[in-house]
Protein backbone atom coordinates (compact mmCIF):
# COMPACT_ATOMS: atom_id res chain seq x y z
CA UNK A 1 57.60 136.44 108.80
CA UNK A 2 57.59 140.25 108.77
CA UNK A 3 60.48 142.32 107.38
CA UNK A 4 61.78 145.59 108.81
CA UNK A 5 62.07 148.50 106.35
CA UNK A 6 63.73 151.81 107.21
CA UNK A 7 62.85 154.79 104.98
CA UNK A 8 65.54 157.50 104.99
CA UNK A 9 64.18 160.68 103.37
CA UNK A 10 64.49 164.32 104.47
CA UNK A 11 61.32 165.54 102.69
CA UNK A 12 58.35 164.76 105.06
CA UNK A 13 55.77 164.45 102.32
CA UNK A 14 57.88 162.15 100.18
CA UNK A 15 58.80 160.11 103.24
CA UNK A 16 55.16 159.65 104.28
CA UNK A 17 54.20 158.81 100.68
CA UNK A 18 56.82 156.05 100.55
CA UNK A 19 55.66 154.67 103.89
CA UNK A 20 52.00 154.62 102.77
CA UNK A 21 52.91 152.88 99.52
CA UNK A 22 54.88 150.24 101.41
CA UNK A 23 51.91 149.52 103.69
CA UNK A 24 50.10 148.07 100.68
CA UNK A 25 52.97 145.64 99.97
CA UNK A 26 51.70 142.00 99.82
CA UNK A 27 54.06 140.94 102.65
CA UNK A 28 53.62 142.47 106.11
CA UNK A 29 56.35 145.06 106.71
CA UNK A 30 57.45 146.77 109.91
CA UNK A 31 58.19 150.37 108.92
CA UNK A 32 60.28 153.15 110.48
CA UNK A 33 61.63 156.49 109.29
CA UNK A 34 64.75 158.64 109.45
CA UNK A 35 65.18 162.20 108.18
CA UNK A 36 68.95 162.79 108.54
CA UNK A 37 72.26 160.93 108.71
CA UNK A 38 72.42 160.90 112.52
CA UNK A 39 68.91 159.46 112.75
CA UNK A 40 69.78 156.97 110.00
CA UNK A 41 72.87 155.70 111.81
CA UNK A 42 71.12 155.46 115.18
CA UNK A 43 68.09 153.61 113.79
CA UNK A 44 70.27 151.09 111.98
CA UNK A 45 72.34 150.42 115.12
CA UNK A 46 69.32 150.04 117.43
CA UNK A 47 66.76 148.44 115.10
CA UNK A 48 68.89 146.58 112.49
CA UNK A 49 66.45 146.82 109.55
CA UNK A 50 66.32 144.19 106.82
CA UNK A 51 66.03 146.78 104.02
CA UNK A 52 66.88 150.49 103.88
CA UNK A 53 65.31 152.85 101.32
CA UNK A 54 68.11 155.43 101.34
CA UNK A 55 67.99 158.93 99.90
CA UNK A 56 71.58 160.00 99.18
CA UNK A 57 71.38 163.66 100.16
CA UNK A 58 69.77 164.38 103.50
CA UNK A 59 70.72 166.86 106.22
CA UNK A 60 73.92 165.92 108.00
CA UNK A 61 75.94 164.87 104.95
CA UNK A 62 76.18 162.11 102.35
CA UNK A 63 74.30 158.98 103.50
CA UNK A 64 76.73 156.78 101.52
CA UNK A 65 79.45 157.91 103.94
CA UNK A 66 77.22 156.88 106.85
CA UNK A 67 76.46 153.58 105.12
CA UNK A 68 80.19 152.90 104.78
CA UNK A 69 80.63 153.47 108.51
CA UNK A 70 77.70 151.12 109.30
CA UNK A 71 79.01 148.43 106.95
CA UNK A 72 82.37 148.52 108.73
CA UNK A 73 80.49 148.00 112.01
CA UNK A 74 78.84 144.85 110.62
CA UNK A 75 75.50 146.02 109.18
CA UNK A 76 74.40 143.42 106.58
CA UNK A 77 70.97 144.74 105.56
CA UNK A 78 69.85 145.31 101.98
CA UNK A 79 70.10 148.88 100.68
CA UNK A 80 68.07 150.47 97.88
CA UNK A 81 69.27 153.95 96.85
CA UNK A 82 66.51 156.52 96.22
CA UNK A 83 67.69 159.71 94.49
CA UNK A 84 66.52 162.53 92.24
CA UNK A 85 70.08 162.98 90.95
CA UNK A 86 72.04 161.21 88.24
CA UNK A 87 72.77 157.96 90.09
CA UNK A 88 75.82 157.27 87.90
CA UNK A 89 77.55 160.00 89.90
CA UNK A 90 77.33 157.74 92.98
CA UNK A 91 77.59 154.31 91.37
CA UNK A 92 81.34 153.91 91.91
CA UNK A 93 81.06 154.73 95.62
CA UNK A 94 77.98 152.52 96.03
CA UNK A 95 79.59 149.41 94.46
CA UNK A 96 81.87 148.87 97.44
CA UNK A 97 78.98 149.29 99.88
CA UNK A 98 76.93 146.32 98.63
CA UNK A 99 74.01 148.42 97.38
CA UNK A 100 71.23 146.29 95.88
CA UNK A 101 69.40 148.71 93.57
CA UNK A 102 68.96 152.36 92.44
CA UNK A 103 65.53 154.00 92.14
CA UNK A 104 65.29 157.44 90.49
CA UNK A 105 62.58 159.84 91.67
CA UNK A 106 59.72 159.99 90.95
CA UNK A 107 59.50 156.30 91.84
CA UNK A 108 56.93 154.17 90.08
CA UNK A 109 54.95 151.71 92.19
CA UNK A 110 56.00 148.80 90.02
CA UNK A 111 59.72 149.64 90.37
CA UNK A 112 59.42 150.09 94.13
CA UNK A 113 57.54 146.81 94.56
CA UNK A 114 60.03 144.96 92.37
CA UNK A 115 63.10 146.32 94.23
CA UNK A 116 61.65 145.54 97.67
CA UNK A 117 60.54 142.05 96.49
CA UNK A 118 63.97 141.21 95.14
CA UNK A 119 65.65 142.41 98.35
CA UNK A 120 63.34 140.24 100.49
CA UNK A 121 63.90 137.23 98.21
CA UNK A 122 67.66 137.66 98.59
CA UNK A 123 67.23 137.80 102.38
CA UNK A 124 65.21 134.56 102.30
CA UNK A 125 67.82 132.85 100.14
CA UNK A 126 70.64 134.06 102.39
CA UNK A 127 68.78 132.81 105.46
CA UNK A 128 68.15 129.46 103.79
CA UNK A 129 71.86 129.14 102.91
CA UNK A 130 72.77 130.22 106.43
CA UNK A 131 70.53 127.53 107.93
CA UNK A 132 72.02 124.91 105.61
CA UNK A 133 75.49 126.01 106.64
CA UNK A 134 74.55 125.78 110.31
CA UNK A 135 73.15 122.28 109.79
CA UNK A 136 76.29 121.30 107.90
CA UNK A 137 78.49 122.67 110.68
CA UNK A 138 76.46 120.78 113.28
CA UNK A 139 76.75 117.56 111.25
CA UNK A 140 80.52 118.04 110.91
CA UNK A 141 80.93 118.70 114.63
CA UNK A 142 78.70 115.76 115.58
CA UNK A 143 80.71 113.47 113.29
CA UNK A 144 84.18 114.94 113.77
CA UNK A 145 85.84 111.54 114.11
CA UNK A 146 84.37 110.43 110.78
CA UNK A 147 85.46 113.70 109.18
CA UNK A 148 88.98 113.20 110.57
CA UNK A 149 89.01 109.65 109.15
CA UNK A 150 88.08 110.90 105.66
CA UNK A 151 90.75 113.58 105.85
CA UNK A 152 93.45 111.08 106.90
CA UNK A 153 92.49 108.75 104.05
CA UNK A 154 92.70 111.65 101.59
CA UNK A 155 96.17 112.49 102.88
CA UNK A 156 97.33 108.85 102.76
CA UNK A 157 96.13 108.49 99.15
CA UNK A 158 98.12 111.57 98.16
CA UNK A 159 95.21 113.90 97.47
CA UNK A 160 95.90 117.62 97.68
CA UNK A 161 95.07 119.27 101.00
CA UNK A 162 92.92 122.13 99.68
CA UNK A 163 91.95 125.27 101.55
CA UNK A 164 88.42 123.85 101.75
CA UNK A 165 89.74 120.73 103.47
CA UNK A 166 91.78 122.86 105.84
CA UNK A 167 88.70 124.92 106.66
CA UNK A 168 86.77 121.76 107.55
CA UNK A 169 89.70 120.60 109.69
CA UNK A 170 89.82 123.99 111.37
CA UNK A 171 86.06 123.90 112.00
CA UNK A 172 86.22 120.60 113.91
CA UNK A 173 89.53 121.43 115.60
CA UNK A 174 91.58 118.84 113.71
CA UNK A 175 93.96 121.31 112.07
CA UNK A 176 97.01 121.59 114.34
CA UNK A 177 97.04 124.97 116.07
CA UNK A 178 100.52 124.36 117.45
CA UNK A 179 100.96 120.61 117.49
CA UNK A 180 98.90 117.43 117.28
CA UNK A 181 99.75 114.51 119.58
CA UNK A 182 99.38 111.14 117.82
CA UNK A 183 98.65 107.80 119.54
CA UNK A 184 97.74 104.38 118.18
CA UNK A 185 95.88 101.62 120.02
CA UNK A 186 95.53 98.01 118.93
CA UNK A 187 92.53 96.63 120.83
CA UNK A 188 91.22 93.06 120.60
CA UNK A 189 88.44 91.22 122.38
CA UNK A 190 89.14 87.81 123.85
CA UNK A 191 86.60 86.03 121.61
CA UNK A 192 86.93 85.06 117.95
CA UNK A 193 86.48 88.02 115.59
CA UNK A 194 83.91 86.03 113.64
CA UNK A 195 81.54 86.18 116.62
CA UNK A 196 81.41 89.93 117.38
CA UNK A 197 83.28 93.21 117.53
CA UNK A 198 81.12 95.00 120.08
CA UNK A 199 83.76 95.18 122.84
CA UNK A 200 86.00 97.36 120.69
CA UNK A 201 83.11 99.64 119.69
CA UNK A 202 82.17 99.96 123.35
CA UNK A 203 85.76 100.90 124.15
CA UNK A 204 85.68 103.68 121.55
CA UNK A 205 82.58 105.24 123.08
CA UNK A 206 83.94 105.08 126.62
CA UNK A 207 87.32 106.44 125.58
CA UNK A 208 85.62 109.46 123.98
CA UNK A 209 83.87 110.22 127.26
CA UNK A 210 87.01 109.61 129.31
CA UNK A 211 89.51 111.51 127.14
CA UNK A 212 87.14 114.39 126.33
CA UNK A 213 85.30 115.76 123.31
CA UNK A 214 88.38 117.61 122.05
CA UNK A 215 90.07 114.27 121.33
CA UNK A 216 89.71 112.58 117.92
CA UNK A 217 89.24 108.80 117.84
CA UNK A 218 89.59 107.32 114.35
CA UNK A 219 89.00 103.57 113.78
CA UNK A 220 91.73 102.41 111.41
CA UNK A 221 92.89 98.98 110.14
CA UNK A 222 93.40 95.65 111.92
CA UNK A 223 91.74 96.70 115.19
CA UNK A 224 93.88 99.83 115.30
CA UNK A 225 92.40 103.08 116.59
CA UNK A 226 94.17 106.40 116.03
CA UNK A 227 93.97 109.00 118.80
CA UNK A 228 94.74 112.68 118.18
CA UNK A 229 95.06 115.40 120.81
CA UNK A 230 94.93 118.97 119.50
CA UNK A 231 95.55 120.39 122.96
CA UNK A 232 98.23 120.46 125.68
CA UNK A 233 98.91 116.97 127.01
CA UNK A 234 99.62 116.12 130.64
CA UNK A 235 101.78 113.14 129.64
CA UNK A 236 101.58 110.25 127.12
CA UNK A 237 101.70 107.80 130.02
CA UNK A 238 98.53 109.32 131.52
CA UNK A 239 96.65 108.80 128.26
CA UNK A 240 97.92 105.20 127.99
CA UNK A 241 96.84 104.53 131.59
CA UNK A 242 93.28 105.68 130.83
CA UNK A 243 93.17 103.48 127.73
CA UNK A 244 94.36 100.44 129.68
CA UNK A 245 91.77 101.07 132.42
CA UNK A 246 88.92 101.22 129.89
CA UNK A 247 90.20 98.10 128.09
CA UNK A 248 90.43 96.16 131.36
CA UNK A 249 86.84 97.08 132.27
CA UNK A 250 85.65 95.79 128.89
CA UNK A 251 87.73 92.58 128.84
CA UNK A 252 89.85 93.79 125.93
CA UNK A 253 93.55 93.23 125.23
CA UNK A 254 95.39 96.30 123.97
CA UNK A 255 98.73 98.00 123.40
CA UNK A 256 99.32 101.75 123.10
CA UNK A 257 101.95 103.51 120.98
CA UNK A 258 102.78 107.23 121.22
CA UNK A 259 104.28 108.60 118.00
CA UNK A 260 104.98 112.11 119.25
CA UNK A 261 103.73 115.40 117.82
CA UNK A 262 103.06 116.66 114.31
CA UNK A 263 102.70 120.29 113.24
CA UNK A 264 101.20 119.75 109.81
CA UNK A 265 98.59 117.31 108.47
CA UNK A 266 100.99 116.19 105.74
CA UNK A 267 103.13 114.54 108.41
CA UNK A 268 100.35 111.99 109.05
CA UNK A 269 101.29 110.06 105.90
CA UNK A 270 104.88 109.86 107.13
CA UNK A 271 104.19 108.45 110.60
CA UNK A 272 101.19 106.15 109.99
CA UNK A 273 103.14 103.28 108.38
CA UNK A 274 105.59 103.26 111.31
CA UNK A 275 102.72 103.47 113.80
CA UNK A 276 100.92 100.50 112.22
CA UNK A 277 104.13 98.43 112.07
CA UNK A 278 105.01 99.20 115.70
CA UNK A 279 101.52 98.20 116.85
CA UNK A 280 101.68 94.94 114.88
CA UNK A 281 105.11 94.15 116.32
CA UNK A 282 103.85 94.95 119.82
CA UNK A 283 101.40 92.04 119.62
CA UNK A 284 104.40 89.68 119.43
CA UNK A 285 105.40 90.98 122.88
CA UNK A 286 101.96 90.38 124.39
CA UNK A 287 99.47 92.96 125.63
CA UNK A 288 99.37 95.75 128.18
CA UNK A 289 102.42 97.49 126.66
CA UNK A 290 102.98 101.23 126.24
CA UNK A 291 105.60 102.08 123.60
CA UNK A 292 107.26 105.25 122.34
CA UNK A 293 107.21 104.78 118.57
CA UNK A 294 109.86 105.86 116.08
CA UNK A 295 109.84 106.35 112.32
CA UNK A 296 110.88 103.16 110.53
CA UNK A 297 112.51 102.76 107.12
CA UNK A 298 110.14 102.38 104.20
CA UNK A 299 110.01 99.06 102.37
CA UNK A 300 109.30 99.57 98.70
CA UNK A 301 107.24 96.84 97.06
CA UNK A 302 108.23 95.83 93.56
CA UNK A 303 105.37 96.07 91.06
CA UNK A 304 105.05 93.55 88.26
CA UNK A 305 103.60 93.79 84.78
CA UNK A 306 99.98 92.64 84.83
CA UNK A 307 100.51 90.67 81.62
CA UNK A 308 103.18 88.48 83.28
CA UNK A 309 101.77 88.47 86.82
CA UNK A 310 101.40 84.68 87.17
CA UNK A 311 104.90 83.89 85.91
CA UNK A 312 106.45 86.77 87.83
CA UNK A 313 104.81 85.77 91.08
CA UNK A 314 106.22 82.25 90.74
CA UNK A 315 109.64 83.56 89.79
CA UNK A 316 109.57 85.93 92.79
CA UNK A 317 109.59 82.77 94.96
CA UNK A 318 112.79 81.69 93.19
CA UNK A 319 114.34 85.10 93.86
CA UNK A 320 113.23 85.00 97.48
CA UNK A 321 114.85 81.59 97.92
CA UNK A 322 118.13 82.77 96.44
CA UNK A 323 118.05 85.98 98.45
CA UNK A 324 117.25 84.22 101.75
CA UNK A 325 119.49 81.24 101.08
CA UNK A 326 116.57 78.74 101.09
CA UNK A 327 116.99 76.06 98.42
CA UNK A 328 113.54 74.66 99.19
CA UNK A 329 111.97 77.96 98.11
CA UNK A 330 114.02 77.99 94.92
CA UNK A 331 112.77 74.52 94.00
CA UNK A 332 109.20 75.43 94.91
CA UNK A 333 109.30 78.52 92.70
CA UNK A 334 110.78 76.60 89.76
CA UNK A 335 108.12 73.88 90.01
CA UNK A 336 105.35 76.49 90.08
CA UNK A 337 106.92 78.33 87.16
CA UNK A 338 107.12 75.26 84.90
CA UNK A 339 103.70 74.07 86.03
CA UNK A 340 102.26 77.32 84.69
CA UNK A 341 104.35 77.05 81.55
CA UNK A 342 103.13 73.51 80.86
CA UNK A 343 99.57 74.86 80.77
CA UNK A 344 100.51 77.14 77.86
CA UNK A 345 100.60 76.06 74.24
CA UNK A 346 104.39 76.31 73.71
CA UNK A 347 105.37 75.10 70.24
CA UNK A 348 108.76 74.95 68.54
CA UNK A 349 107.94 78.18 66.72
CA UNK A 350 107.44 80.21 69.89
CA UNK A 351 109.73 78.47 72.39
CA UNK A 352 112.38 81.08 71.59
CA UNK A 353 109.98 83.80 72.77
CA UNK A 354 109.58 81.96 76.09
CA UNK A 355 113.33 81.56 76.24
CA UNK A 356 113.68 85.33 75.98
CA UNK A 357 111.37 85.68 79.00
CA UNK A 358 113.58 83.30 80.97
CA UNK A 359 116.63 85.23 79.82
CA UNK A 360 115.13 88.25 81.57
CA UNK A 361 114.72 86.15 84.72
CA UNK A 362 118.39 85.17 84.57
CA UNK A 363 119.23 88.87 84.35
CA UNK A 364 117.29 89.47 87.57
CA UNK A 365 119.19 86.62 89.25
CA UNK A 366 122.46 88.20 88.14
CA UNK A 367 121.42 91.53 89.66
CA UNK A 368 120.45 89.80 92.90
CA UNK A 369 123.84 88.04 93.11
CA UNK A 370 125.50 91.42 92.67
CA UNK A 371 123.27 92.96 95.36
CA UNK A 372 124.21 90.14 97.71
CA UNK A 373 127.88 90.98 97.09
CA UNK A 374 128.76 87.46 95.96
CA UNK A 375 132.22 86.79 94.54
CA UNK A 376 132.56 89.00 91.46
CA UNK A 377 134.69 86.57 89.46
CA UNK A 378 132.14 83.81 90.12
CA UNK A 379 129.33 86.10 88.94
CA UNK A 380 131.25 87.05 85.77
CA UNK A 381 131.96 83.40 84.97
CA UNK A 382 128.29 82.49 85.48
CA UNK A 383 127.11 85.45 83.38
CA UNK A 384 129.47 84.61 80.49
CA UNK A 385 128.13 81.06 80.48
CA UNK A 386 124.55 82.33 80.25
CA UNK A 387 125.41 84.57 77.29
CA UNK A 388 127.15 81.64 75.59
CA UNK A 389 124.21 79.30 76.23
CA UNK A 390 121.84 81.82 74.68
CA UNK A 391 123.48 80.95 71.32
CA UNK A 392 122.55 77.27 71.62
CA UNK A 393 119.33 76.43 69.74
CA UNK A 394 116.36 75.35 71.88
CA UNK A 395 113.99 72.94 70.16
CA UNK A 396 111.48 72.19 72.89
CA UNK A 397 110.18 73.15 76.30
CA UNK A 398 112.15 70.23 77.79
CA UNK A 399 115.38 71.75 76.44
CA UNK A 400 114.43 75.09 77.97
CA UNK A 401 113.68 73.50 81.36
CA UNK A 402 117.00 71.66 81.39
CA UNK A 403 118.98 74.77 80.52
CA UNK A 404 117.17 76.83 83.16
CA UNK A 405 117.75 74.17 85.84
CA UNK A 406 121.46 74.08 85.01
CA UNK A 407 121.63 77.90 85.18
CA UNK A 408 119.92 77.91 88.57
CA UNK A 409 122.22 75.21 89.97
CA UNK A 410 125.24 77.27 88.94
CA UNK A 411 123.64 80.45 90.33
CA UNK A 412 123.08 78.66 93.64
CA UNK A 413 126.77 77.77 93.82
CA UNK A 414 127.63 81.42 93.18
CA UNK A 415 125.16 82.33 95.94
CA UNK A 416 127.26 80.34 98.40
CA UNK A 417 130.15 82.77 97.84
CA UNK A 418 128.24 85.63 99.45
CA UNK A 419 130.49 88.01 101.34
CA UNK A 420 127.89 90.38 102.76
CA UNK A 421 127.99 90.13 106.58
CA UNK A 422 124.51 91.65 106.76
CA UNK A 423 123.08 88.81 104.70
CA UNK A 424 124.77 86.27 106.94
CA UNK A 425 123.28 88.02 109.94
CA UNK A 426 119.81 88.04 108.33
CA UNK A 427 120.17 84.34 107.57
CA UNK A 428 121.00 83.72 111.22
CA UNK A 429 117.94 85.74 112.23
CA UNK A 430 115.68 83.78 109.86
CA UNK A 431 116.97 80.49 111.23
CA UNK A 432 116.24 81.64 114.78
CA UNK A 433 112.73 82.71 113.73
CA UNK A 434 112.05 79.31 112.15
CA UNK A 435 113.24 77.49 115.27
CA UNK A 436 111.41 79.77 117.73
CA UNK A 437 108.43 80.86 115.65
CA UNK A 438 105.90 80.85 118.48
CA UNK A 439 107.83 83.31 120.63
CA UNK A 440 110.04 85.20 118.16
CA UNK A 441 109.79 89.00 118.27
CA UNK A 442 111.99 91.88 117.21
CA UNK A 443 113.70 92.25 120.59
CA UNK A 444 114.51 88.54 121.00
CA UNK A 445 115.76 88.08 117.43
CA UNK A 446 117.89 91.24 117.66
CA UNK A 447 119.37 90.00 120.94
CA UNK A 448 120.17 86.63 119.35
CA UNK A 449 122.13 88.21 116.48
CA UNK A 450 123.70 90.91 118.70
CA UNK A 451 122.28 94.05 117.11
CA UNK A 452 119.73 96.63 118.26
CA UNK A 453 116.06 96.09 117.33
CA UNK A 454 115.99 99.27 115.22
CA UNK A 455 119.12 98.17 113.32
CA UNK A 456 117.66 94.72 112.66
CA UNK A 457 114.42 96.29 111.43
CA UNK A 458 116.36 98.45 108.96
CA UNK A 459 118.37 95.43 107.78
CA UNK A 460 115.23 93.43 107.00
CA UNK A 461 113.95 96.30 104.85
CA UNK A 462 117.27 96.80 103.09
CA UNK A 463 118.31 93.17 102.54
CA UNK A 464 114.99 91.33 102.23
CA UNK A 465 112.89 94.26 101.01
CA UNK A 466 110.36 93.26 103.71
CA UNK A 467 109.31 94.48 107.13
CA UNK A 468 110.34 92.28 110.04
CA UNK A 469 106.70 91.92 111.14
CA UNK A 470 105.69 90.76 107.64
CA UNK A 471 108.29 87.99 107.72
CA UNK A 472 106.96 86.83 111.10
CA UNK A 473 103.35 86.93 109.90
CA UNK A 474 104.09 85.02 106.69
CA UNK A 475 106.00 82.27 108.47
CA UNK A 476 103.40 81.95 111.24
CA UNK A 477 100.46 81.75 108.84
CA UNK A 478 102.24 79.17 106.68
CA UNK A 479 102.86 77.04 109.75
CA UNK A 480 99.26 77.58 110.87
CA UNK A 481 98.01 76.21 107.54
CA UNK A 482 100.11 73.08 108.08
CA UNK A 483 98.84 72.64 111.64
CA UNK A 484 95.22 73.01 110.53
CA UNK A 485 95.88 70.40 107.85
CA UNK A 486 97.25 68.10 110.56
CA UNK A 487 93.96 68.29 112.46
CA UNK A 488 94.67 71.03 115.01
CA UNK A 489 91.66 73.18 115.89
CA UNK A 490 91.77 76.99 115.48
CA UNK A 491 92.54 77.74 119.14
CA UNK A 492 95.36 75.19 119.30
CA UNK A 493 96.80 76.45 116.03
CA UNK A 494 96.74 80.11 117.08
CA UNK A 495 98.52 79.30 120.33
CA UNK A 496 101.08 77.06 118.61
CA UNK A 497 102.19 79.82 116.24
CA UNK A 498 102.36 82.47 118.97
CA UNK A 499 98.94 84.17 118.87
CA UNK A 500 97.10 83.80 122.16
CA UNK A 501 94.45 86.26 120.96
CA UNK A 502 92.09 84.31 118.68
CA UNK A 503 90.50 87.47 117.27
CA UNK A 504 93.80 88.79 115.93
CA UNK A 505 94.85 85.38 114.57
CA UNK A 506 91.53 84.98 112.73
CA UNK A 507 91.75 88.48 111.25
CA UNK A 508 95.35 87.98 110.13
CA UNK A 509 94.68 84.53 108.68
CA UNK A 510 91.69 85.78 106.68
CA UNK A 511 93.68 88.75 105.39
CA UNK A 512 96.58 86.59 104.17
CA UNK A 513 94.78 83.41 103.06
CA UNK A 514 91.46 84.80 101.87
CA UNK A 515 89.08 83.26 104.39
CA UNK A 516 88.98 82.52 108.13
CA UNK A 517 90.92 79.57 109.60
CA UNK A 518 87.73 77.66 110.44
CA UNK A 519 86.62 77.80 106.77
CA UNK A 520 90.12 76.91 105.58
CA UNK A 521 90.11 73.84 107.83
CA UNK A 522 86.72 72.74 106.46
CA UNK A 523 87.95 73.18 102.87
CA UNK A 524 90.76 70.64 103.28
CA UNK A 525 89.64 67.51 101.34
CA UNK A 526 91.18 64.87 103.60
CA UNK A 527 89.52 66.47 106.64
CA UNK A 528 86.17 66.37 104.86
CA UNK A 529 86.63 62.67 104.27
CA UNK A 530 87.57 62.16 107.91
CA UNK A 531 90.98 60.75 107.00
């Protein structure tokens, strides 16, 4: 590839000498000349040379002044200053004009060749970097949904939104210019998820064509797709209608939630949990629903010490039973706790250490009774008894079990003195869920206990430290396990616990149990034996 060199020199002989010397350069050069500042400026504007050999003092003024004007107009070519004067006089002015080199007359061939060679090499490197940048930009634009997905994950995991990340977002159009409309779609095929997921992938492709290239479609979790509009929106209902049309054509069940507008990427981490929860709850209502979503209260999960994880998980069942008023859960948790303890080598010398652990558990029970607003005098009496009993020597694990059982029985009696009306309401809601598990949803349960759905949702988070949808899922999957053990097939089981969509039931079961319902059914020993 040839390079264009402009020689700016007012002395004709020197100018011709430079041109002749450049003709012998190993790379083919297109050459042109200028003898004054006006000619220099015009040639640069019309010809756009790659390199300029620029004498500083030519008729018409200082060529550095002309160069400054050309730079401001966008000229990016390489410039090599050629002067018979002390170049340090001009160095300060030249620094801001991106001058590449200074050559002092008389110019040696080796110096001229070296300066031109370096300038051309820099041009090649800049072109190579420019091509790489263009390819990178094309890749980003061609994969804008993937880029948006990576950015959302970075935001969710609390990583800093750097200027570089914002530039990428701006490049693909994901950075909100004014506002970003946020939708969520839960889309499920009618067949078992274990067979295929092609219908949903087909839906994504068709939605991109229908909604336009300016829309971002981000596959998320549990068959959820996020949709972002960084442009004026006709109406949320119009978008939902297009989604439903595409789903119907592809034999897919779906619900659509509109979460409103955000003006900053940081807001994504605030609305995504509510969007996911609303979509999960919408499945309880069936499919074909369009919902205006709202922010929901956060439910903080309690973390446990990894060294005590097995014991703490079992004890958490005891706490759950006391909190929810379910004696069966309390007994189940205690049995699991002492089953684990019996596997340990507990001798008389270290039984006191184990007793200290159980003392901590009793402290948690006391805190829970206070949180439940049980009768204060009953709590104080129970607590004083526990402090007193801590003074009684424990000689064996049997002694420890007996003391703990007695403490729990007394704690359960204190639990019956609960005065919190919210807890009574939650207990009523849980009873309704148990009795109507296949059809229970937030609206129906709220109606049964005479509160609004949003209020009931907040109460579950505050009182049970759980989302309403998580309670429903846990209870349905537990019942599904029992039905599978009774010989029900997967389809019958899914329908019996309220999931008409087999794909969603299979996904949820695998997530919560560890493997799909069909494998769980095969793993049951009495079913293997045919009994």
